[in-house]
Amino acid sequence: MTLASSVIVPYTAYLRVYEPLAAFPEPERGHWARYAKRETLPSAQDELRRSLADLLPTPPVAVPVHESGDAFVAVVDGVTCVCPWRTRLRGWQALEGLTEQLPGLVLDAALPPVVRRQAEADYERWRERNPDARPWIKTATWHVPVRWFVLFAAEEREYDKGDDGLVLRYRTPMVEARRRVARGLRTLKDSLEEGPLIDGLMEVGRWLEEFHPRSLVELDYGGLVHVVPEADLADDRSVEDVAEGLAALREGDGAGAGAAYERLTDRWSAVRDRQYAS
């Protein structure tokens, strides 16, 4: 086993958009059409291992030098859809948030200032040439953001124990995801003051508008299935809790909304506490 393949996979959840081939201009469309026909396609584990491998050299590679040509592939009602990894772009965007997540000494040890400054300069130059670029994948570590649950319904839950281990995910058509975001925003704005929950849902809504209307939206618990006990995963009903909370707000039932939110926060606080367990 290589060192890269033995690295512990981070406890990360993913929100992904799969776009139909028609959404891509040529020659990119042709590339993805050929790519989707490959007999063997990389998995989410492969993507993580490749990105983690860049952190092993000294000094570490903060952001890949070249953009990934890989993608996740899904066939929806006979239509091939792809979710490009765009690892380089996501690396730059993740780097922007590290100063808020890590103490200075820890950050400097993991990624020396000179490495970060070079990556930031590269990103600025790249953005000048690609002002409209956006990722197809959003990530969150040690939790699933509440706003992500708004996009899905209970019946879209997929829970399976396959050859690669447990999988817990939700998939929905883009039209449904956008409808639920719009309805959720109306409810929150009618019931609550402006705040992080409303701002976060608005940000997700703007992101979804960037994609083809016949896209597929996916919430994947990803590496979280390795830290949450299997029994808790089987009983996880976070999507239902969010839906119940919003329904209670629409009916003016503050107590019901509070109870749903408390169940949700208790569940995910317990997961986040494991981050600091010895």
C-alpha atoms as a PDB file:
ATOM      1  CA  MET A   1       0.000   0.000   0.000  1.00  0.00           C
ATOM      2  CA  THR A   2       1.345   3.425  -0.870  1.00  0.00           C
ATOM      3  CA  LEU A   3       1.617   6.178   1.714  1.00  0.00           C
ATOM      4  CA  ALA A   4      -0.985   8.277  -0.090  1.00  0.00           C
ATOM      5  CA  SER A   5      -3.538   5.503   0.002  1.00  0.00           C
ATOM      6  CA  SER A   6      -3.017   4.886   3.729  1.00  0.00           C
ATOM      7  CA  VAL A   7      -3.720   8.458   4.819  1.00  0.00           C
ATOM      8  CA  ILE A   8      -6.723   8.739   7.152  1.00  0.00           C
ATOM      9  CA  VAL A   9      -9.674  10.141   5.250  1.00  0.00           C
ATOM     10  CA  PRO A  10     -10.977  13.420   6.743  1.00  0.00           C
ATOM     11  CA  TYR A  11     -14.452  13.472   8.216  1.00  0.00           C
ATOM     12  CA  THR A  12     -15.965  15.556   5.449  1.00  0.00           C
ATOM     13  CA  ALA A  13     -19.488  15.868   4.010  1.00  0.00           C
ATOM     14  CA  TYR A  14     -20.180  16.998   0.450  1.00  0.00           C
ATOM     15  CA  LEU A  15     -22.817  18.918  -1.457  1.00  0.00           C
ATOM     16  CA  ARG A  16     -22.427  18.175  -5.167  1.00  0.00           C
ATOM     17  CA  VAL A  17     -24.067  19.213  -8.419  1.00  0.00           C
ATOM     18  CA  TYR A  18     -24.068  16.874 -11.427  1.00  0.00           C
ATOM     19  CA  GLU A  19     -24.736  18.725 -14.694  1.00  0.00           C
ATOM     20  CA  PRO A  20     -25.910  17.124 -17.956  1.00  0.00           C
ATOM     21  CA  LEU A  21     -23.360  17.043 -20.746  1.00  0.00           C
ATOM     22  CA  ALA A  22     -25.418  19.627 -22.655  1.00  0.00           C
ATOM     23  CA  ALA A  23     -24.474  22.214 -20.012  1.00  0.00           C
ATOM     24  CA  PHE A  24     -20.808  22.145 -21.027  1.00  0.00           C
ATOM     25  CA  PRO A  25     -19.363  23.947 -24.057  1.00  0.00           C
ATOM     26  CA  GLU A  26     -17.056  22.193 -26.466  1.00  0.00           C
ATOM     27  CA  PRO A  27     -14.387  20.921 -26.231  1.00  0.00           C
ATOM     28  CA  GLU A  28     -15.129  20.258 -22.543  1.00  0.00           C
ATOM     29  CA  ARG A  29     -18.383  18.474 -23.413  1.00  0.00           C
ATOM     30  CA  GLY A  30     -16.514  16.016 -25.605  1.00  0.00           C
ATOM     31  CA  HIS A  31     -13.961  15.401 -22.874  1.00  0.00           C
ATOM     32  CA  TRP A  32     -16.647  14.525 -20.315  1.00  0.00           C
ATOM     33  CA  ALA A  33     -18.584  12.403 -22.820  1.00  0.00           C
ATOM     34  CA  ARG A  34     -15.481  10.282 -23.427  1.00  0.00           C
ATOM     35  CA  TYR A  35     -14.611  10.284 -19.734  1.00  0.00           C
ATOM     36  CA  ALA A  36     -18.052   8.969 -18.709  1.00  0.00           C
ATOM     37  CA  LYS A  37     -17.606   5.942 -20.978  1.00  0.00           C
ATOM     38  CA  ARG A  38     -14.527   4.681 -19.142  1.00  0.00           C
ATOM     39  CA  GLU A  39     -14.848   1.228 -17.648  1.00  0.00           C
ATOM     40  CA  THR A  40     -13.322   2.337 -14.337  1.00  0.00           C
ATOM     41  CA  LEU A  41     -13.988   5.712 -12.760  1.00  0.00           C
ATOM     42  CA  PRO A  42     -12.378   7.124  -9.604  1.00  0.00           C
ATOM     43  CA  SER A  43     -14.300   7.192  -6.339  1.00  0.00           C
ATOM     44  CA  ALA A  44     -14.679   9.848  -3.660  1.00  0.00           C
ATOM     45  CA  GLN A  45     -11.975   8.033  -1.685  1.00  0.00           C
ATOM     46  CA  ASP A  46      -9.630   8.379  -4.669  1.00  0.00           C
ATOM     47  CA  GLU A  47     -10.232  12.124  -4.808  1.00  0.00           C
ATOM     48  CA  LEU A  48      -9.440  12.525  -1.117  1.00  0.00           C
ATOM     49  CA  ARG A  49      -6.299  10.431  -1.288  1.00  0.00           C
ATOM     50  CA  ARG A  50      -4.954  12.404  -4.240  1.00  0.00           C
ATOM     51  CA  SER A  51      -5.539  15.727  -2.509  1.00  0.00           C
ATOM     52  CA  LEU A  52      -4.019  14.497   0.758  1.00  0.00           C
ATOM     53  CA  ALA A  53      -0.965  13.193  -1.070  1.00  0.00           C
ATOM     54  CA  ASP A  54      -0.049  16.791  -1.960  1.00  0.00           C
ATOM     55  CA  LEU A  55       0.390  17.546   1.751  1.00  0.00           C
ATOM     56  CA  LEU A  56       3.076  14.894   2.199  1.00  0.00           C
ATOM     57  CA  PRO A  57       6.042  16.596   0.443  1.00  0.00           C
ATOM     58  CA  THR A  58       8.242  19.158   2.190  1.00  0.00           C
ATOM     59  CA  PRO A  59       7.266  21.911   1.727  1.00  0.00           C
ATOM     60  CA  PRO A  60       3.653  20.775   1.192  1.00  0.00           C
ATOM     61  CA  VAL A  61       1.743  21.596  -1.972  1.00  0.00           C
ATOM     62  CA  ALA A  62      -1.117  23.805  -0.736  1.00  0.00           C
ATOM     63  CA  VAL A  63      -2.975  23.760  -4.064  1.00  0.00           C
ATOM     64  CA  PRO A  64      -2.429  21.408  -7.039  1.00  0.00           C
ATOM     65  CA  VAL A  65      -0.331  22.903  -9.831  1.00  0.00           C
ATOM     66  CA  HIS A  66      -2.746  21.652 -12.479  1.00  0.00           C
ATOM     67  CA  GLU A  67      -6.531  21.395 -12.442  1.00  0.00           C
ATOM     68  CA  SER A  68      -8.013  17.926 -12.188  1.00  0.00           C
ATOM     69  CA  GLY A  69      -9.494  16.364 -15.299  1.00  0.00           C
ATOM     70  CA  ASP A  70     -11.609  13.965 -13.257  1.00  0.00           C
ATOM     71  CA  ALA A  71     -15.281  14.020 -12.299  1.00  0.00           C
ATOM     72  CA  PHE A  72     -18.003  12.003 -10.612  1.00  0.00           C
ATOM     73  CA  VAL A  73     -20.547  10.558 -13.042  1.00  0.00           C
ATOM     74  CA  ALA A  74     -24.251   9.827 -12.584  1.00  0.00           C
ATOM     75  CA  VAL A  75     -26.882   8.696 -15.080  1.00  0.00           C
ATOM     76  CA  VAL A  76     -30.251  10.338 -14.418  1.00  0.00           C
ATOM     77  CA  ASP A  77     -33.247   9.090 -16.425  1.00  0.00           C
ATOM     78  CA  GLY A  78     -30.873   7.989 -19.173  1.00  0.00           C
ATOM     79  CA  VAL A  79     -29.012  11.337 -19.219  1.00  0.00           C
ATOM     80  CA  THR A  80     -25.312  11.341 -18.359  1.00  0.00           C
ATOM     81  CA  CYS A  81     -24.417  13.992 -15.786  1.00  0.00           C
ATOM     82  CA  VAL A  82     -20.981  14.876 -14.460  1.00  0.00           C
ATOM     83  CA  CYS A  83     -19.676  16.643 -11.380  1.00  0.00           C
ATOM     84  CA  PRO A  84     -16.149  17.923 -12.139  1.00  0.00           C
ATOM     85  CA  TRP A  85     -13.775  17.735  -9.194  1.00  0.00           C
ATOM     86  CA  ARG A  86     -12.119  21.121  -9.827  1.00  0.00           C
ATOM     87  CA  THR A  87      -9.665  20.231  -7.073  1.00  0.00           C
ATOM     88  CA  ARG A  88      -7.404  23.215  -7.719  1.00  0.00           C
ATOM     89  CA  LEU A  89     -10.197  25.783  -7.445  1.00  0.00           C
ATOM     90  CA  ARG A  90     -11.588  24.156  -4.306  1.00  0.00           C
ATOM     91  CA  GLY A  91      -8.091  24.065  -2.821  1.00  0.00           C
ATOM     92  CA  TRP A  92      -7.722  27.812  -3.262  1.00  0.00           C
ATOM     93  CA  GLN A  93     -11.142  28.434  -1.741  1.00  0.00           C
ATOM     94  CA  ALA A  94     -10.429  26.149   1.213  1.00  0.00           C
ATOM     95  CA  LEU A  95      -7.152  27.951   1.814  1.00  0.00           C
ATOM     96  CA  GLU A  96      -9.037  31.229   2.256  1.00  0.00           C
ATOM     97  CA  GLY A  97     -10.913  29.858   5.261  1.00  0.00           C
ATOM     98  CA  LEU A  98      -8.014  28.205   7.078  1.00  0.00           C
ATOM     99  CA  THR A  99      -7.029  31.331   9.007  1.00  0.00           C
ATOM    100  CA  GLU A 100     -10.426  31.218  10.719  1.00  0.00           C
ATOM    101  CA  GLN A 101     -10.254  27.488  11.479  1.00  0.00           C
ATOM    102  CA  LEU A 102      -6.705  26.996  12.781  1.00  0.00           C
ATOM    103  CA  PRO A 103      -4.502  28.813  15.320  1.00  0.00           C
ATOM    104  CA  GLY A 104      -1.655  30.727  13.704  1.00  0.00           C
ATOM    105  CA  LEU A 105       1.121  28.453  14.981  1.00  0.00           C
ATOM    106  CA  VAL A 106      -0.684  25.321  13.801  1.00  0.00           C
ATOM    107  CA  LEU A 107      -1.420  26.836  10.401  1.00  0.00           C
ATOM    108  CA  ASP A 108       2.191  27.965   9.929  1.00  0.00           C
ATOM    109  CA  ALA A 109       3.434  24.481  10.812  1.00  0.00           C
ATOM    110  CA  ALA A 110       1.047  22.789   8.399  1.00  0.00           C
ATOM    111  CA  LEU A 111       1.359  25.328   5.583  1.00  0.00           C
ATOM    112  CA  PRO A 112       4.260  27.787   5.929  1.00  0.00           C
ATOM    113  CA  PRO A 113       3.436  31.460   5.185  1.00  0.00           C
ATOM    114  CA  VAL A 114       5.585  31.472   2.044  1.00  0.00           C
ATOM    115  CA  VAL A 115       3.570  28.552   0.649  1.00  0.00           C
ATOM    116  CA  ARG A 116       0.269  30.286   1.429  1.00  0.00           C
ATOM    117  CA  ARG A 117       1.384  33.597  -0.074  1.00  0.00           C
ATOM    118  CA  GLN A 118       2.402  31.902  -3.319  1.00  0.00           C
ATOM    119  CA  ALA A 119      -0.942  30.065  -3.512  1.00  0.00           C
ATOM    120  CA  GLU A 120      -2.852  33.304  -2.863  1.00  0.00           C
ATOM    121  CA  ALA A 121      -0.931  35.123  -5.605  1.00  0.00           C
ATOM    122  CA  ASP A 122      -1.588  32.272  -8.049  1.00  0.00           C
ATOM    123  CA  TYR A 123      -5.301  32.386  -7.204  1.00  0.00           C
ATOM    124  CA  GLU A 124      -5.533  36.144  -7.807  1.00  0.00           C
ATOM    125  CA  ARG A 125      -3.959  35.784 -11.237  1.00  0.00           C
ATOM    126  CA  TRP A 126      -6.209  32.838 -12.092  1.00  0.00           C
ATOM    127  CA  ARG A 127      -9.368  34.688 -10.990  1.00  0.00           C
ATOM    128  CA  GLU A 128      -8.529  37.572 -13.320  1.00  0.00           C
ATOM    129  CA  ARG A 129      -8.646  35.105 -16.210  1.00  0.00           C
ATOM    130  CA  ASN A 130     -11.649  33.128 -14.878  1.00  0.00           C
ATOM    131  CA  PRO A 131     -13.969  35.605 -13.100  1.00  0.00           C
ATOM    132  CA  ASP A 132     -17.086  33.403 -13.427  1.00  0.00           C
ATOM    133  CA  ALA A 133     -15.588  30.132 -12.195  1.00  0.00           C
ATOM    134  CA  ARG A 134     -17.446  28.207  -9.494  1.00  0.00           C
ATOM    135  CA  PRO A 135     -17.019  24.758  -7.935  1.00  0.00           C
ATOM    136  CA  TRP A 136     -19.431  21.882  -8.450  1.00  0.00           C
ATOM    137  CA  ILE A 137     -18.669  20.615  -4.938  1.00  0.00           C
ATOM    138  CA  LYS A 138     -18.987  22.201  -1.505  1.00  0.00           C
ATOM    139  CA  THR A 139     -17.478  20.579   1.596  1.00  0.00           C
ATOM    140  CA  ALA A 140     -17.959  20.745   5.360  1.00  0.00           C
ATOM    141  CA  THR A 141     -15.854  19.000   8.016  1.00  0.00           C
ATOM    142  CA  TRP A 142     -17.227  17.276  11.111  1.00  0.00           C
ATOM    143  CA  HIS A 143     -20.832  18.238  10.354  1.00  0.00           C
ATOM    144  CA  VAL A 144     -23.454  18.823   7.692  1.00  0.00           C
ATOM    145  CA  PRO A 145     -24.563  22.483   7.546  1.00  0.00           C
ATOM    146  CA  VAL A 146     -28.240  22.921   8.453  1.00  0.00           C
ATOM    147  CA  ARG A 147     -28.893  24.839   5.236  1.00  0.00           C
ATOM    148  CA  TRP A 148     -27.898  21.806   3.145  1.00  0.00           C
ATOM    149  CA  PHE A 149     -30.700  19.703   4.616  1.00  0.00           C
ATOM    150  CA  VAL A 150     -33.293  22.188   3.330  1.00  0.00           C
ATOM    151  CA  LEU A 151     -32.657  21.015  -0.251  1.00  0.00           C
ATOM    152  CA  PHE A 152     -33.876  17.452   0.273  1.00  0.00           C
ATOM    153  CA  ALA A 153     -36.876  15.353   1.301  1.00  0.00           C
ATOM    154  CA  ALA A 154     -37.038  12.273   3.530  1.00  0.00           C
ATOM    155  CA  GLU A 155     -37.974   9.930   0.688  1.00  0.00           C
ATOM    156  CA  GLU A 156     -34.773  10.837  -1.175  1.00  0.00           C
ATOM    157  CA  ARG A 157     -32.609   9.234   1.495  1.00  0.00           C
ATOM    158  CA  GLU A 158     -30.251   6.451   0.372  1.00  0.00           C
ATOM    159  CA  TYR A 159     -28.640   4.361   3.119  1.00  0.00           C
ATOM    160  CA  ASP A 160     -26.642   1.374   2.008  1.00  0.00           C
ATOM    161  CA  LYS A 161     -23.836  -0.845   3.199  1.00  0.00           C
ATOM    162  CA  GLY A 162     -21.941  -1.838   0.082  1.00  0.00           C
ATOM    163  CA  ASP A 163     -18.496  -3.159  -0.806  1.00  0.00           C
ATOM    164  CA  ASP A 164     -16.918   0.230  -0.018  1.00  0.00           C
ATOM    165  CA  GLY A 165     -18.637   0.564   3.349  1.00  0.00           C
ATOM    166  CA  LEU A 166     -21.595   2.621   4.490  1.00  0.00           C
ATOM    167  CA  VAL A 167     -23.101   5.258   2.237  1.00  0.00           C
ATOM    168  CA  LEU A 168     -25.630   7.824   3.399  1.00  0.00           C
ATOM    169  CA  ARG A 169     -26.754  10.341   0.815  1.00  0.00           C
ATOM    170  CA  TYR A 170     -29.680  12.257  -0.636  1.00  0.00           C
ATOM    171  CA  ARG A 171     -30.252  13.069  -4.305  1.00  0.00           C
ATOM    172  CA  THR A 172     -32.834  15.390  -5.807  1.00  0.00           C
ATOM    173  CA  PRO A 173     -33.504  17.151  -9.143  1.00  0.00           C
ATOM    174  CA  MET A 174     -32.252  20.726  -9.306  1.00  0.00           C
ATOM    175  CA  VAL A 175     -35.788  22.051  -9.751  1.00  0.00           C
ATOM    176  CA  GLU A 176     -36.809  20.526  -6.413  1.00  0.00           C
ATOM    177  CA  ALA A 177     -33.718  21.809  -4.619  1.00  0.00           C
ATOM    178  CA  ARG A 178     -34.353  25.354  -5.850  1.00  0.00           C
ATOM    179  CA  ARG A 179     -38.030  25.180  -4.927  1.00  0.00           C
ATOM    180  CA  ARG A 180     -37.238  24.050  -1.397  1.00  0.00           C
ATOM    181  CA  VAL A 181     -34.624  26.773  -0.958  1.00  0.00           C
ATOM    182  CA  ALA A 182     -37.082  29.447  -2.094  1.00  0.00           C
ATOM    183  CA  ARG A 183     -39.830  28.152   0.190  1.00  0.00           C
ATOM    184  CA  GLY A 184     -37.454  27.795   3.110  1.00  0.00           C
ATOM    185  CA  LEU A 185     -36.188  31.344   2.668  1.00  0.00           C
ATOM    186  CA  ARG A 186     -39.729  32.725   2.641  1.00  0.00           C
ATOM    187  CA  THR A 187     -40.481  30.893   5.867  1.00  0.00           C
ATOM    188  CA  LEU A 188     -37.317  32.019   7.617  1.00  0.00           C
ATOM    189  CA  LYS A 189     -37.660  35.641   6.530  1.00  0.00           C
ATOM    190  CA  ASP A 190     -41.273  35.717   7.687  1.00  0.00           C
ATOM    191  CA  SER A 191     -40.405  34.190  11.067  1.00  0.00           C
ATOM    192  CA  LEU A 192     -36.866  35.196  12.009  1.00  0.00           C
ATOM    193  CA  GLU A 193     -34.568  38.180  11.979  1.00  0.00           C
ATOM    194  CA  GLU A 194     -31.666  38.301   9.540  1.00  0.00           C
ATOM    195  CA  GLY A 195     -28.879  35.991  10.630  1.00  0.00           C
ATOM    196  CA  PRO A 196     -26.442  33.209   9.661  1.00  0.00           C
ATOM    197  CA  LEU A 197     -29.181  30.688   8.839  1.00  0.00           C
ATOM    198  CA  ILE A 198     -30.869  32.990   6.324  1.00  0.00           C
ATOM    199  CA  ASP A 199     -27.556  34.227   4.920  1.00  0.00           C
ATOM    200  CA  GLY A 200     -26.285  30.678   4.493  1.00  0.00           C
ATOM    201  CA  LEU A 201     -29.413  29.493   2.699  1.00  0.00           C
ATOM    202  CA  MET A 202     -29.305  32.514   0.405  1.00  0.00           C
ATOM    203  CA  GLU A 203     -25.694  31.676  -0.470  1.00  0.00           C
ATOM    204  CA  VAL A 204     -26.647  28.087  -1.333  1.00  0.00           C
ATOM    205  CA  GLY A 205     -29.541  29.354  -3.455  1.00  0.00           C
ATOM    206  CA  ARG A 206     -27.265  31.673  -5.429  1.00  0.00           C
ATOM    207  CA  TRP A 207     -24.828  28.819  -5.982  1.00  0.00           C
ATOM    208  CA  LEU A 208     -27.547  26.509  -7.311  1.00  0.00           C
ATOM    209  CA  GLU A 209     -28.667  29.162  -9.794  1.00  0.00           C
ATOM    210  CA  GLU A 210     -25.268  28.857 -11.506  1.00  0.00           C
ATOM    211  CA  PHE A 211     -26.090  25.398 -12.853  1.00  0.00           C
ATOM    212  CA  HIS A 212     -28.224  23.819 -15.560  1.00  0.00           C
ATOM    213  CA  PRO A 213     -31.879  23.424 -14.482  1.00  0.00           C
ATOM    214  CA  ARG A 214     -31.812  19.691 -15.265  1.00  0.00           C
ATOM    215  CA  SER A 215     -28.899  19.023 -12.927  1.00  0.00           C
ATOM    216  CA  LEU A 216     -28.860  16.578 -10.027  1.00  0.00           C
ATOM    217  CA  VAL A 217     -28.057  17.776  -6.486  1.00  0.00           C
ATOM    218  CA  GLU A 218     -26.475  15.370  -4.011  1.00  0.00           C
ATOM    219  CA  LEU A 219     -25.768  15.501  -0.287  1.00  0.00           C
ATOM    220  CA  ASP A 220     -23.203  12.860   0.649  1.00  0.00           C
ATOM    221  CA  TYR A 221     -22.295  12.239   4.298  1.00  0.00           C
ATOM    222  CA  GLY A 222     -18.909  11.143   2.957  1.00  0.00           C
ATOM    223  CA  GLY A 223     -16.294  10.549   5.640  1.00  0.00           C
ATOM    224  CA  LEU A 224     -18.766  11.247   8.441  1.00  0.00           C
ATOM    225  CA  VAL A 225     -19.953   7.649   8.165  1.00  0.00           C
ATOM    226  CA  HIS A 226     -16.574   6.642   9.667  1.00  0.00           C
ATOM    227  CA  VAL A 227     -17.028   8.679  12.848  1.00  0.00           C
ATOM    228  CA  VAL A 228     -20.775   8.384  13.526  1.00  0.00           C
ATOM    229  CA  PRO A 229     -21.849   5.034  15.009  1.00  0.00           C
ATOM    230  CA  GLU A 230     -23.744   2.876  12.532  1.00  0.00           C
ATOM    231  CA  ALA A 231     -26.854   2.807  14.712  1.00  0.00           C
ATOM    232  CA  ASP A 232     -26.889   6.608  14.824  1.00  0.00           C
ATOM    233  CA  LEU A 233     -26.522   6.800  11.051  1.00  0.00           C
ATOM    234  CA  ALA A 234     -29.423   4.411  10.581  1.00  0.00           C
ATOM    235  CA  ASP A 235     -31.571   6.611  12.825  1.00  0.00           C
ATOM    236  CA  ASP A 236     -30.356   9.940  11.435  1.00  0.00           C
ATOM    237  CA  ARG A 237     -33.352  11.991  10.316  1.00  0.00           C
ATOM    238  CA  SER A 238     -31.795  15.429  10.044  1.00  0.00           C
ATOM    239  CA  VAL A 239     -33.670  16.225   6.833  1.00  0.00           C
ATOM    240  CA  GLU A 240     -36.970  15.442   8.558  1.00  0.00           C
ATOM    241  CA  ASP A 241     -36.024  17.594  11.560  1.00  0.00           C
ATOM    242  CA  VAL A 242     -35.331  20.580   9.323  1.00  0.00           C
ATOM    243  CA  ALA A 243     -38.551  20.046   7.374  1.00  0.00           C
ATOM    244  CA  GLU A 244     -40.546  19.757  10.611  1.00  0.00           C
ATOM    245  CA  GLY A 245     -38.935  22.897  11.982  1.00  0.00           C
ATOM    246  CA  LEU A 246     -39.788  24.910   8.876  1.00  0.00           C
ATOM    247  CA  ALA A 247     -43.341  23.562   8.843  1.00  0.00           C
ATOM    248  CA  ALA A 248     -43.735  24.576  12.486  1.00  0.00           C
ATOM    249  CA  LEU A 249     -42.510  28.087  11.723  1.00  0.00           C
ATOM    250  CA  ARG A 250     -45.028  28.415   8.895  1.00  0.00           C
ATOM    251  CA  GLU A 251     -47.788  27.451  11.329  1.00  0.00           C
ATOM    252  CA  GLY A 252     -46.559  29.863  13.980  1.00  0.00           C
ATOM    253  CA  ASP A 253     -45.573  27.007  16.271  1.00  0.00           C
ATOM    254  CA  GLY A 254     -42.408  28.345  17.874  1.00  0.00           C
ATOM    255  CA  ALA A 255     -42.220  25.532  20.412  1.00  0.00           C
ATOM    256  CA  GLY A 256     -42.395  22.876  17.693  1.00  0.00           C
ATOM    257  CA  ALA A 257     -39.727  24.633  15.642  1.00  0.00           C
ATOM    258  CA  GLY A 258     -37.519  24.919  18.714  1.00  0.00           C
ATOM    259  CA  ALA A 259     -37.896  21.215  19.517  1.00  0.00           C
ATOM    260  CA  ALA A 260     -36.920  20.206  15.971  1.00  0.00           C
ATOM    261  CA  TYR A 261     -33.912  22.521  16.009  1.00  0.00           C
ATOM    262  CA  GLU A 262     -32.819  21.180  19.407  1.00  0.00           C
ATOM    263  CA  ARG A 263     -32.888  17.594  18.122  1.00  0.00           C
ATOM    264  CA  LEU A 264     -30.770  18.661  15.169  1.00  0.00           C
ATOM    265  CA  THR A 265     -28.212  20.624  17.154  1.00  0.00           C
ATOM    266  CA  ASP A 266     -27.884  17.911  19.810  1.00  0.00           C
ATOM    267  CA  ARG A 267     -27.180  15.317  17.129  1.00  0.00           C
ATOM    268  CA  TRP A 268     -24.513  17.328  15.350  1.00  0.00           C
ATOM    269  CA  SER A 269     -22.938  18.753  18.504  1.00  0.00           C
ATOM    270  CA  ALA A 270     -22.246  15.179  19.537  1.00  0.00           C
ATOM    271  CA  VAL A 271     -20.520  14.553  16.195  1.00  0.00           C
ATOM    272  CA  ARG A 272     -18.428  17.715  16.384  1.00  0.00           C
ATOM    273  CA  ASP A 273     -17.361  16.893  19.958  1.00  0.00           C
ATOM    274  CA  ARG A 274     -15.620  13.784  18.621  1.00  0.00           C
ATOM    275  CA  GLN A 275     -13.218  16.079  16.760  1.00  0.00           C
ATOM    276  CA  TYR A 276     -11.575  16.912  20.078  1.00  0.00           C
ATOM    277  CA  ALA A 277     -11.778  13.473  21.677  1.00  0.00           C
ATOM    278  CA  SER A 278      -8.452  11.868  22.489  1.00  0.00           C
END
